[in-house]
């Protein structure tokens, strides 16, 4: 079985040796569009994280039987074309839940506790000149008693909700599909969630109903001092609107996802007047060591299960 890994750079330093036990492996750190077709021409199995697998790619790989998406989202695959050609598509769900939940709180506490300010204050030597033992340059609050609004109460959103509740926060949620019902937490409208929440975290997919869900009017509705975190998908928060509102309204925003990744040059969010209000990480919430190991193991298991089923 010929297995082609198209974008192994996304897995970092995680070992990929398990794939060698399953067949003949060709691994590429990245695959630019012009090199995609030649690389898959003899493939029985393609493993892709973000590389787009279109009908044309499938046509160029006559032996292709299985496409493994090394991720949960599968919007980079032409599913209709795969179905027509009898090609199976497999993804991996749930591998990064703990990592994303953890990063949500990491982003919150960085912003809520003004960590950047205090770290820079001490390292600049200013603390050495204080008259008293402490320095209260930026006030911060406790999470207990705050209202935490969650947009998208799936597995990750629920994980965040349970920990927020353990900290003493009141949790409310908005279902972007309108179908999610959870008796543990209060369901509400988007408008009420935005107006009443002290912290808002987004854990929803990007689709027609969530694109630019948080734009000018929603950002202006936020409480002064509110923290907004997007760990769902880029495009749910309107970046152009945010680059304007964050300078005229005292809100704090953490983004792990952007519309274009890596972010485009130039980018409006890199030119704001109050950078201390914004914390951006390069789509790393899912990338804990353990999550990447689970991802690779589950992807390999998908290949193994497929091979065993076709051998019968």
C-alpha atoms as a PDB file:
ATOM      1  CA  UNK A   1       0.000   0.000   0.000  1.00  0.00           C
ATOM      2  CA  UNK A   2       1.438   3.367  -1.062  1.00  0.00           C
ATOM      3  CA  UNK A   3       0.781   6.097   1.492  1.00  0.00           C
ATOM      4  CA  UNK A   4       1.468   9.767   0.716  1.00  0.00           C
ATOM      5  CA  UNK A   5       1.689  12.303   3.560  1.00  0.00           C
ATOM      6  CA  UNK A   6       1.244  15.750   2.060  1.00  0.00           C
ATOM      7  CA  UNK A   7       1.879  18.272   4.854  1.00  0.00           C
ATOM      8  CA  UNK A   8       3.831  16.741   7.722  1.00  0.00           C
ATOM      9  CA  UNK A   9       5.123  20.138   8.871  1.00  0.00           C
ATOM     10  CA  UNK A  10       1.750  20.643  10.562  1.00  0.00           C
ATOM     11  CA  UNK A  11       2.523  17.752  12.946  1.00  0.00           C
ATOM     12  CA  UNK A  12       5.662  19.367  14.364  1.00  0.00           C
ATOM     13  CA  UNK A  13       8.085  16.938  15.997  1.00  0.00           C
ATOM     14  CA  UNK A  14       5.534  14.143  16.429  1.00  0.00           C
ATOM     15  CA  UNK A  15       6.886  10.783  15.286  1.00  0.00           C
ATOM     16  CA  UNK A  16       5.382   9.461  12.063  1.00  0.00           C
ATOM     17  CA  UNK A  17       7.086   6.063  12.243  1.00  0.00           C
ATOM     18  CA  UNK A  18       3.771   4.256  12.689  1.00  0.00           C
ATOM     19  CA  UNK A  19       2.922   4.883   9.027  1.00  0.00           C
ATOM     20  CA  UNK A  20       5.968   2.863   7.953  1.00  0.00           C
ATOM     21  CA  UNK A  21       4.358  -0.227   9.492  1.00  0.00           C
ATOM     22  CA  UNK A  22       1.358   0.159   7.197  1.00  0.00           C
ATOM     23  CA  UNK A  23       2.933   0.474   3.772  1.00  0.00           C
ATOM     24  CA  UNK A  24       5.393   2.331   1.562  1.00  0.00           C
ATOM     25  CA  UNK A  25       5.441   5.955   2.712  1.00  0.00           C
ATOM     26  CA  UNK A  26       6.278   9.161   0.869  1.00  0.00           C
ATOM     27  CA  UNK A  27       6.284  12.118   3.237  1.00  0.00           C
ATOM     28  CA  UNK A  28       6.442  15.806   2.346  1.00  0.00           C
ATOM     29  CA  UNK A  29       6.725  18.705   4.792  1.00  0.00           C
ATOM     30  CA  UNK A  30       4.529  20.874   2.560  1.00  0.00           C
ATOM     31  CA  UNK A  31       2.939  20.384  -0.841  1.00  0.00           C
ATOM     32  CA  UNK A  32       2.472  23.437  -3.084  1.00  0.00           C
ATOM     33  CA  UNK A  33      -0.360  23.189  -5.659  1.00  0.00           C
ATOM     34  CA  UNK A  34       1.992  22.668  -8.596  1.00  0.00           C
ATOM     35  CA  UNK A  35       3.530  19.590  -6.965  1.00  0.00           C
ATOM     36  CA  UNK A  36       0.338  17.982  -5.707  1.00  0.00           C
ATOM     37  CA  UNK A  37      -0.689  15.897  -8.731  1.00  0.00           C
ATOM     38  CA  UNK A  38       2.738  14.317  -9.369  1.00  0.00           C
ATOM     39  CA  UNK A  39       3.017  13.335  -5.718  1.00  0.00           C
ATOM     40  CA  UNK A  40      -0.311  11.495  -5.521  1.00  0.00           C
ATOM     41  CA  UNK A  41      -0.309   9.797  -8.932  1.00  0.00           C
ATOM     42  CA  UNK A  42       0.536   6.348  -7.500  1.00  0.00           C
ATOM     43  CA  UNK A  43      -1.069   6.764  -4.080  1.00  0.00           C
ATOM     44  CA  UNK A  44      -3.437   4.227  -2.544  1.00  0.00           C
ATOM     45  CA  UNK A  45      -3.842   6.434   0.531  1.00  0.00           C
ATOM     46  CA  UNK A  46      -3.485  10.195   0.919  1.00  0.00           C
ATOM     47  CA  UNK A  47      -2.996  11.783   4.336  1.00  0.00           C
ATOM     48  CA  UNK A  48      -3.726  15.505   4.369  1.00  0.00           C
ATOM     49  CA  UNK A  49      -4.199  18.073   7.094  1.00  0.00           C
ATOM     50  CA  UNK A  50      -4.943  21.224   5.090  1.00  0.00           C
ATOM     51  CA  UNK A  51      -4.015  20.376   1.491  1.00  0.00           C
ATOM     52  CA  UNK A  52      -7.139  20.578  -0.678  1.00  0.00           C
ATOM     53  CA  UNK A  53      -8.084  17.291  -2.342  1.00  0.00           C
ATOM     54  CA  UNK A  54     -10.312  18.151  -5.291  1.00  0.00           C
ATOM     55  CA  UNK A  55     -11.915  16.020  -7.977  1.00  0.00           C
ATOM     56  CA  UNK A  56      -8.942  16.791 -10.234  1.00  0.00           C
ATOM     57  CA  UNK A  57      -6.554  15.422  -7.611  1.00  0.00           C
ATOM     58  CA  UNK A  58      -8.599  12.230  -7.305  1.00  0.00           C
ATOM     59  CA  UNK A  59      -8.671  11.847 -11.068  1.00  0.00           C
ATOM     60  CA  UNK A  60      -4.875  12.102 -11.148  1.00  0.00           C
ATOM     61  CA  UNK A  61      -4.608   9.237  -8.635  1.00  0.00           C
ATOM     62  CA  UNK A  62      -6.319   6.220 -10.255  1.00  0.00           C
ATOM     63  CA  UNK A  63      -5.284   3.861  -7.427  1.00  0.00           C
ATOM     64  CA  UNK A  64      -6.602   6.107  -4.655  1.00  0.00           C
ATOM     65  CA  UNK A  65      -8.872   4.263  -2.239  1.00  0.00           C
ATOM     66  CA  UNK A  66      -8.672   6.226   1.005  1.00  0.00           C
ATOM     67  CA  UNK A  67      -8.259   9.883   1.969  1.00  0.00           C
ATOM     68  CA  UNK A  68      -7.294  10.418   5.601  1.00  0.00           C
ATOM     69  CA  UNK A  69      -7.862  13.913   6.935  1.00  0.00           C
ATOM     70  CA  UNK A  70      -5.492  14.397   9.853  1.00  0.00           C
ATOM     71  CA  UNK A  71      -7.927  16.781  11.488  1.00  0.00           C
ATOM     72  CA  UNK A  72     -11.594  16.994  12.437  1.00  0.00           C
ATOM     73  CA  UNK A  73     -12.797  19.448   9.797  1.00  0.00           C
ATOM     74  CA  UNK A  74     -13.071  18.014   6.292  1.00  0.00           C
ATOM     75  CA  UNK A  75     -13.962  21.067   4.215  1.00  0.00           C
ATOM     76  CA  UNK A  76     -10.749  20.617   2.197  1.00  0.00           C
ATOM     77  CA  UNK A  77     -12.127  17.456   0.560  1.00  0.00           C
ATOM     78  CA  UNK A  78     -14.544  17.261  -2.388  1.00  0.00           C
ATOM     79  CA  UNK A  79     -16.865  14.709  -0.783  1.00  0.00           C
ATOM     80  CA  UNK A  80     -19.190  14.402  -3.783  1.00  0.00           C
ATOM     81  CA  UNK A  81     -16.262  13.532  -6.031  1.00  0.00           C
ATOM     82  CA  UNK A  82     -14.968  11.001  -3.515  1.00  0.00           C
ATOM     83  CA  UNK A  83     -18.379   9.346  -3.281  1.00  0.00           C
ATOM     84  CA  UNK A  84     -18.687   9.133  -7.068  1.00  0.00           C
ATOM     85  CA  UNK A  85     -15.282   7.521  -7.318  1.00  0.00           C
ATOM     86  CA  UNK A  86     -15.830   5.121  -4.429  1.00  0.00           C
ATOM     87  CA  UNK A  87     -13.050   6.710  -2.374  1.00  0.00           C
ATOM     88  CA  UNK A  88     -13.475   6.552   1.393  1.00  0.00           C
ATOM     89  CA  UNK A  89     -12.805   9.691   3.451  1.00  0.00           C
ATOM     90  CA  UNK A  90     -11.889   9.418   7.140  1.00  0.00           C
ATOM     91  CA  UNK A  91     -11.176  12.120   9.706  1.00  0.00           C
ATOM     92  CA  UNK A  92     -10.279  12.187  13.415  1.00  0.00           C
ATOM     93  CA  UNK A  93     -12.664  13.629  15.982  1.00  0.00           C
ATOM     94  CA  UNK A  94     -12.121  14.566  19.608  1.00  0.00           C
ATOM     95  CA  UNK A  95      -8.329  14.298  19.678  1.00  0.00           C
ATOM     96  CA  UNK A  96      -7.725  17.960  20.602  1.00  0.00           C
ATOM     97  CA  UNK A  97     -10.571  18.693  23.016  1.00  0.00           C
ATOM     98  CA  UNK A  98      -8.417  18.876  26.151  1.00  0.00           C
ATOM     99  CA  UNK A  99      -5.776  20.964  24.395  1.00  0.00           C
ATOM    100  CA  UNK A 100      -8.270  23.531  23.078  1.00  0.00           C
ATOM    101  CA  UNK A 101     -10.052  23.781  26.424  1.00  0.00           C
ATOM    102  CA  UNK A 102      -6.698  24.362  28.141  1.00  0.00           C
ATOM    103  CA  UNK A 103      -5.645  27.020  25.616  1.00  0.00           C
ATOM    104  CA  UNK A 104      -8.968  28.807  26.088  1.00  0.00           C
ATOM    105  CA  UNK A 105      -8.141  29.377  29.734  1.00  0.00           C
ATOM    106  CA  UNK A 106      -4.520  30.202  28.941  1.00  0.00           C
ATOM    107  CA  UNK A 107      -5.705  33.014  26.660  1.00  0.00           C
ATOM    108  CA  UNK A 108      -8.280  34.210  29.156  1.00  0.00           C
ATOM    109  CA  UNK A 109      -5.865  34.493  32.066  1.00  0.00           C
ATOM    110  CA  UNK A 110      -3.204  36.170  29.922  1.00  0.00           C
ATOM    111  CA  UNK A 111      -5.676  38.906  29.015  1.00  0.00           C
ATOM    112  CA  UNK A 112      -7.714  39.042  32.204  1.00  0.00           C
ATOM    113  CA  UNK A 113      -4.658  39.184  34.463  1.00  0.00           C
ATOM    114  CA  UNK A 114      -2.751  41.675  32.245  1.00  0.00           C
ATOM    115  CA  UNK A 115       0.153  39.237  32.129  1.00  0.00           C
ATOM    116  CA  UNK A 116       1.934  41.076  29.330  1.00  0.00           C
ATOM    117  CA  UNK A 117       1.968  44.313  31.312  1.00  0.00           C
ATOM    118  CA  UNK A 118       3.245  42.786  34.557  1.00  0.00           C
ATOM    119  CA  UNK A 119       5.879  40.651  32.840  1.00  0.00           C
ATOM    120  CA  UNK A 120       7.252  43.645  30.943  1.00  0.00           C
ATOM    121  CA  UNK A 121       7.059  45.830  34.060  1.00  0.00           C
ATOM    122  CA  UNK A 122       9.274  43.496  36.083  1.00  0.00           C
ATOM    123  CA  UNK A 123      11.746  42.738  33.283  1.00  0.00           C
ATOM    124  CA  UNK A 124      12.194  46.445  32.552  1.00  0.00           C
ATOM    125  CA  UNK A 125      13.573  46.924  36.072  1.00  0.00           C
ATOM    126  CA  UNK A 126      10.773  49.232  37.230  1.00  0.00           C
ATOM    127  CA  UNK A 127       9.753  46.988  40.123  1.00  0.00           C
ATOM    128  CA  UNK A 128      13.207  47.400  41.642  1.00  0.00           C
ATOM    129  CA  UNK A 129      12.453  51.080  42.196  1.00  0.00           C
ATOM    130  CA  UNK A 130       9.087  50.626  43.949  1.00  0.00           C
ATOM    131  CA  UNK A 131       8.547  52.051  47.449  1.00  0.00           C
ATOM    132  CA  UNK A 132       6.413  49.069  48.526  1.00  0.00           C
ATOM    133  CA  UNK A 133       6.490  45.335  47.910  1.00  0.00           C
ATOM    134  CA  UNK A 134       3.676  45.250  45.353  1.00  0.00           C
ATOM    135  CA  UNK A 135       2.704  47.137  42.227  1.00  0.00           C
ATOM    136  CA  UNK A 136      -0.934  47.412  41.192  1.00  0.00           C
ATOM    137  CA  UNK A 137      -0.604  49.001  37.804  1.00  0.00           C
ATOM    138  CA  UNK A 138      -3.522  47.222  36.139  1.00  0.00           C
ATOM    139  CA  UNK A 139      -6.503  45.963  38.129  1.00  0.00           C
ATOM    140  CA  UNK A 140      -7.840  42.485  37.449  1.00  0.00           C
ATOM    141  CA  UNK A 141     -10.914  40.627  38.653  1.00  0.00           C
ATOM    142  CA  UNK A 142     -11.753  37.118  39.763  1.00  0.00           C
ATOM    143  CA  UNK A 143     -13.609  34.712  37.514  1.00  0.00           C
ATOM    144  CA  UNK A 144     -16.038  33.788  40.292  1.00  0.00           C
ATOM    145  CA  UNK A 145     -19.354  35.539  39.844  1.00  0.00           C
ATOM    146  CA  UNK A 146     -18.715  36.487  36.228  1.00  0.00           C
ATOM    147  CA  UNK A 147     -20.990  35.464  33.353  1.00  0.00           C
ATOM    148  CA  UNK A 148     -19.286  33.306  30.722  1.00  0.00           C
ATOM    149  CA  UNK A 149     -21.073  33.064  27.392  1.00  0.00           C
ATOM    150  CA  UNK A 150     -20.206  30.185  25.094  1.00  0.00           C
ATOM    151  CA  UNK A 151     -20.953  30.262  21.374  1.00  0.00           C
ATOM    152  CA  UNK A 152     -21.088  26.648  20.244  1.00  0.00           C
ATOM    153  CA  UNK A 153     -21.673  24.178  23.070  1.00  0.00           C
ATOM    154  CA  UNK A 154     -20.215  21.081  21.437  1.00  0.00           C
ATOM    155  CA  UNK A 155     -17.645  18.842  23.073  1.00  0.00           C
ATOM    156  CA  UNK A 156     -15.056  21.614  23.428  1.00  0.00           C
ATOM    157  CA  UNK A 157     -17.589  24.233  24.466  1.00  0.00           C
ATOM    158  CA  UNK A 158     -18.995  21.950  27.133  1.00  0.00           C
ATOM    159  CA  UNK A 159     -15.477  21.234  28.413  1.00  0.00           C
ATOM    160  CA  UNK A 160     -14.906  24.974  28.795  1.00  0.00           C
ATOM    161  CA  UNK A 161     -18.300  25.382  30.458  1.00  0.00           C
ATOM    162  CA  UNK A 162     -17.585  22.774  33.121  1.00  0.00           C
ATOM    163  CA  UNK A 163     -14.255  24.348  34.080  1.00  0.00           C
ATOM    164  CA  UNK A 164     -15.723  27.866  34.035  1.00  0.00           C
ATOM    165  CA  UNK A 165     -18.452  26.629  36.370  1.00  0.00           C
ATOM    166  CA  UNK A 166     -15.820  25.113  38.674  1.00  0.00           C
ATOM    167  CA  UNK A 167     -14.230  28.571  38.912  1.00  0.00           C
ATOM    168  CA  UNK A 168     -17.585  29.939  40.032  1.00  0.00           C
ATOM    169  CA  UNK A 169     -18.701  31.572  36.794  1.00  0.00           C
ATOM    170  CA  UNK A 170     -22.282  31.532  35.547  1.00  0.00           C
ATOM    171  CA  UNK A 171     -22.371  29.827  32.145  1.00  0.00           C
ATOM    172  CA  UNK A 172     -24.832  30.629  29.373  1.00  0.00           C
ATOM    173  CA  UNK A 173     -24.664  29.500  25.757  1.00  0.00           C
ATOM    174  CA  UNK A 174     -25.874  30.216  22.251  1.00  0.00           C
ATOM    175  CA  UNK A 175     -26.408  27.436  19.720  1.00  0.00           C
ATOM    176  CA  UNK A 176     -25.333  28.580  16.250  1.00  0.00           C
ATOM    177  CA  UNK A 177     -27.410  25.835  14.634  1.00  0.00           C
ATOM    178  CA  UNK A 178     -30.354  26.328  16.982  1.00  0.00           C
ATOM    179  CA  UNK A 179     -30.452  22.588  17.552  1.00  0.00           C
ATOM    180  CA  UNK A 180     -28.176  22.162  20.566  1.00  0.00           C
ATOM    181  CA  UNK A 181     -30.039  21.583  23.810  1.00  0.00           C
ATOM    182  CA  UNK A 182     -28.164  21.161  27.091  1.00  0.00           C
ATOM    183  CA  UNK A 183     -30.002  21.013  30.406  1.00  0.00           C
ATOM    184  CA  UNK A 184     -26.810  21.748  32.394  1.00  0.00           C
ATOM    185  CA  UNK A 185     -26.537  25.330  31.176  1.00  0.00           C
ATOM    186  CA  UNK A 186     -28.862  28.160  30.222  1.00  0.00           C
ATOM    187  CA  UNK A 187     -29.545  28.607  26.527  1.00  0.00           C
ATOM    188  CA  UNK A 188     -29.993  32.178  25.329  1.00  0.00           C
ATOM    189  CA  UNK A 189     -30.036  34.428  22.289  1.00  0.00           C
ATOM    190  CA  UNK A 190     -26.862  35.760  20.715  1.00  0.00           C
ATOM    191  CA  UNK A 191     -27.815  39.334  21.538  1.00  0.00           C
ATOM    192  CA  UNK A 192     -28.411  38.612  25.229  1.00  0.00           C
ATOM    193  CA  UNK A 193     -25.222  36.567  25.460  1.00  0.00           C
ATOM    194  CA  UNK A 194     -23.168  39.411  24.012  1.00  0.00           C
ATOM    195  CA  UNK A 195     -24.764  42.105  26.160  1.00  0.00           C
ATOM    196  CA  UNK A 196     -24.567  40.251  29.497  1.00  0.00           C
ATOM    197  CA  UNK A 197     -21.363  38.187  29.329  1.00  0.00           C
ATOM    198  CA  UNK A 198     -18.096  39.216  30.952  1.00  0.00           C
ATOM    199  CA  UNK A 199     -16.258  36.510  29.011  1.00  0.00           C
ATOM    200  CA  UNK A 200     -17.293  35.066  25.643  1.00  0.00           C
ATOM    201  CA  UNK A 201     -15.579  32.103  24.011  1.00  0.00           C
ATOM    202  CA  UNK A 202     -16.323  30.824  20.524  1.00  0.00           C
ATOM    203  CA  UNK A 203     -16.111  27.098  19.776  1.00  0.00           C
ATOM    204  CA  UNK A 204     -18.258  26.883  16.643  1.00  0.00           C
ATOM    205  CA  UNK A 205     -17.580  25.835  13.035  1.00  0.00           C
ATOM    206  CA  UNK A 206     -17.434  28.340  10.191  1.00  0.00           C
ATOM    207  CA  UNK A 207     -20.472  28.157   7.950  1.00  0.00           C
ATOM    208  CA  UNK A 208     -23.072  30.429   6.383  1.00  0.00           C
ATOM    209  CA  UNK A 209     -24.721  31.120   9.741  1.00  0.00           C
ATOM    210  CA  UNK A 210     -21.491  31.900  11.641  1.00  0.00           C
ATOM    211  CA  UNK A 211     -19.449  33.895   9.116  1.00  0.00           C
ATOM    212  CA  UNK A 212     -18.901  37.392  10.557  1.00  0.00           C
ATOM    213  CA  UNK A 213     -21.217  36.446  13.417  1.00  0.00           C
ATOM    214  CA  UNK A 214     -19.311  38.919  15.585  1.00  0.00           C
ATOM    215  CA  UNK A 215     -19.001  42.153  13.606  1.00  0.00           C
ATOM    216  CA  UNK A 216     -19.316  45.908  14.268  1.00  0.00           C
ATOM    217  CA  UNK A 217     -22.667  45.907  16.052  1.00  0.00           C
ATOM    218  CA  UNK A 218     -21.880  42.862  18.186  1.00  0.00           C
ATOM    219  CA  UNK A 219     -18.479  44.233  19.221  1.00  0.00           C
ATOM    220  CA  UNK A 220     -20.081  47.520  20.219  1.00  0.00           C
ATOM    221  CA  UNK A 221     -22.647  45.635  22.320  1.00  0.00           C
ATOM    222  CA  UNK A 222     -19.920  44.020  24.441  1.00  0.00           C
ATOM    223  CA  UNK A 223     -19.522  45.214  28.008  1.00  0.00           C
ATOM    224  CA  UNK A 224     -16.585  47.510  28.635  1.00  0.00           C
ATOM    225  CA  UNK A 225     -13.778  45.266  29.887  1.00  0.00           C
ATOM    226  CA  UNK A 226     -15.293  42.113  28.395  1.00  0.00           C
ATOM    227  CA  UNK A 227     -13.011  39.368  27.092  1.00  0.00           C
ATOM    228  CA  UNK A 228     -13.783  37.767  23.718  1.00  0.00           C
ATOM    229  CA  UNK A 229     -11.970  34.569  22.709  1.00  0.00           C
ATOM    230  CA  UNK A 230     -12.202  32.879  19.312  1.00  0.00           C
ATOM    231  CA  UNK A 231     -10.978  29.293  19.271  1.00  0.00           C
ATOM    232  CA  UNK A 232     -13.491  28.147  16.669  1.00  0.00           C
ATOM    233  CA  UNK A 233     -12.646  29.253  13.140  1.00  0.00           C
ATOM    234  CA  UNK A 234     -11.311  32.402  11.541  1.00  0.00           C
ATOM    235  CA  UNK A 235     -14.089  34.356   9.885  1.00  0.00           C
ATOM    236  CA  UNK A 236     -16.519  34.107  12.791  1.00  0.00           C
ATOM    237  CA  UNK A 237     -15.072  37.344  14.163  1.00  0.00           C
ATOM    238  CA  UNK A 238     -14.935  40.139  11.582  1.00  0.00           C
ATOM    239  CA  UNK A 239     -11.242  41.099  11.692  1.00  0.00           C
ATOM    240  CA  UNK A 240     -11.660  44.461   9.949  1.00  0.00           C
ATOM    241  CA  UNK A 241     -14.431  45.455  12.339  1.00  0.00           C
ATOM    242  CA  UNK A 242     -12.352  44.315  15.300  1.00  0.00           C
ATOM    243  CA  UNK A 243      -9.336  46.375  14.204  1.00  0.00           C
ATOM    244  CA  UNK A 244     -11.519  49.498  14.456  1.00  0.00           C
ATOM    245  CA  UNK A 245     -13.636  48.738  17.536  1.00  0.00           C
ATOM    246  CA  UNK A 246     -10.794  47.517  19.770  1.00  0.00           C
ATOM    247  CA  UNK A 247      -9.225  50.993  19.653  1.00  0.00           C
ATOM    248  CA  UNK A 248     -12.416  52.853  20.575  1.00  0.00           C
ATOM    249  CA  UNK A 249     -13.906  50.441  23.112  1.00  0.00           C
ATOM    250  CA  UNK A 250     -12.047  48.872  26.078  1.00  0.00           C
ATOM    251  CA  UNK A 251     -12.467  45.196  25.275  1.00  0.00           C
ATOM    252  CA  UNK A 252      -9.921  42.378  25.339  1.00  0.00           C
ATOM    253  CA  UNK A 253      -9.743  39.849  22.531  1.00  0.00           C
ATOM    254  CA  UNK A 254      -7.881  36.581  22.122  1.00  0.00           C
ATOM    255  CA  UNK A 255      -7.678  34.944  18.697  1.00  0.00           C
ATOM    256  CA  UNK A 256      -6.166  31.564  17.894  1.00  0.00           C
ATOM    257  CA  UNK A 257      -7.735  31.467  14.422  1.00  0.00           C
ATOM    258  CA  UNK A 258      -7.829  33.975  11.580  1.00  0.00           C
ATOM    259  CA  UNK A 259      -9.458  34.145   8.154  1.00  0.00           C
ATOM    260  CA  UNK A 260      -6.118  33.608   6.420  1.00  0.00           C
ATOM    261  CA  UNK A 261      -3.413  31.525   8.085  1.00  0.00           C
ATOM    262  CA  UNK A 262      -0.609  32.507   8.288  1.00  0.00           C
ATOM    263  CA  UNK A 263      -2.065  36.016   8.599  1.00  0.00           C
ATOM    264  CA  UNK A 264      -1.817  38.233   5.554  1.00  0.00           C
ATOM    265  CA  UNK A 265       0.719  41.027   4.993  1.00  0.00           C
ATOM    266  CA  UNK A 266      -0.098  43.739   5.903  1.00  0.00           C
ATOM    267  CA  UNK A 267      -2.794  43.009   8.480  1.00  0.00           C
ATOM    268  CA  UNK A 268      -5.068  45.566  10.106  1.00  0.00           C
ATOM    269  CA  UNK A 269      -4.844  43.887  13.522  1.00  0.00           C
ATOM    270  CA  UNK A 270      -1.081  44.502  13.659  1.00  0.00           C
ATOM    271  CA  UNK A 271      -1.593  48.261  13.405  1.00  0.00           C
ATOM    272  CA  UNK A 272      -3.978  48.894  16.298  1.00  0.00           C
ATOM    273  CA  UNK A 273      -3.230  51.603  18.875  1.00  0.00           C
ATOM    274  CA  UNK A 274      -3.924  49.386  21.906  1.00  0.00           C
ATOM    275  CA  UNK A 275      -2.040  46.118  21.270  1.00  0.00           C
ATOM    276  CA  UNK A 276      -2.288  45.203  24.960  1.00  0.00           C
ATOM    277  CA  UNK A 277      -5.977  44.527  24.357  1.00  0.00           C
ATOM    278  CA  UNK A 278      -5.268  41.870  21.745  1.00  0.00           C
ATOM    279  CA  UNK A 279      -3.610  38.462  22.071  1.00  0.00           C
ATOM    280  CA  UNK A 280      -3.098  36.371  18.934  1.00  0.00           C
ATOM    281  CA  UNK A 281      -1.646  32.863  18.837  1.00  0.00           C
ATOM    282  CA  UNK A 282      -0.823  31.100  15.542  1.00  0.00           C
ATOM    283  CA  UNK A 283      -3.559  28.411  15.498  1.00  0.00           C
ATOM    284  CA  UNK A 284      -1.855  26.379  18.230  1.00  0.00           C
ATOM    285  CA  UNK A 285      -4.762  25.508  20.542  1.00  0.00           C
ATOM    286  CA  UNK A 286      -4.951  21.984  19.106  1.00  0.00           C
ATOM    287  CA  UNK A 287      -1.206  21.312  19.135  1.00  0.00           C
ATOM    288  CA  UNK A 288      -0.369  19.909  22.555  1.00  0.00           C
ATOM    289  CA  UNK A 289       2.129  17.045  22.413  1.00  0.00           C
ATOM    290  CA  UNK A 290      -0.563  14.624  23.520  1.00  0.00           C
ATOM    291  CA  UNK A 291      -3.141  15.876  21.002  1.00  0.00           C
ATOM    292  CA  UNK A 292      -0.715  15.483  18.092  1.00  0.00           C
ATOM    293  CA  UNK A 293       0.194  11.985  19.246  1.00  0.00           C
ATOM    294  CA  UNK A 294      -3.497  11.065  19.440  1.00  0.00           C
ATOM    295  CA  UNK A 295      -4.068  12.527  15.983  1.00  0.00           C
ATOM    296  CA  UNK A 296      -1.302  10.504  14.355  1.00  0.00           C
ATOM    297  CA  UNK A 297      -2.291   7.313  16.174  1.00  0.00           C
ATOM    298  CA  UNK A 298      -5.941   7.699  15.152  1.00  0.00           C
ATOM    299  CA  UNK A 299      -5.043   8.497  11.529  1.00  0.00           C
ATOM    300  CA  UNK A 300      -2.843   5.396  11.375  1.00  0.00           C
ATOM    301  CA  UNK A 301      -5.643   3.349  12.905  1.00  0.00           C
ATOM    302  CA  UNK A 302      -7.998   4.580  10.178  1.00  0.00           C
ATOM    303  CA  UNK A 303      -5.562   3.287   7.550  1.00  0.00           C
ATOM    304  CA  UNK A 304      -5.078  -0.008   9.382  1.00  0.00           C
ATOM    305  CA  UNK A 305      -8.825  -0.562   9.772  1.00  0.00           C
ATOM    306  CA  UNK A 306      -9.387   0.206   6.096  1.00  0.00           C
ATOM    307  CA  UNK A 307      -6.628  -2.182   5.013  1.00  0.00           C
ATOM    308  CA  UNK A 308      -8.034  -4.972   7.181  1.00  0.00           C
ATOM    309  CA  UNK A 309     -11.554  -4.475   5.848  1.00  0.00           C
ATOM    310  CA  UNK A 310     -10.455  -4.606   2.205  1.00  0.00           C
ATOM    311  CA  UNK A 311      -8.306  -7.713   2.827  1.00  0.00           C
ATOM    312  CA  UNK A 312     -11.316  -9.780   3.913  1.00  0.00           C
END
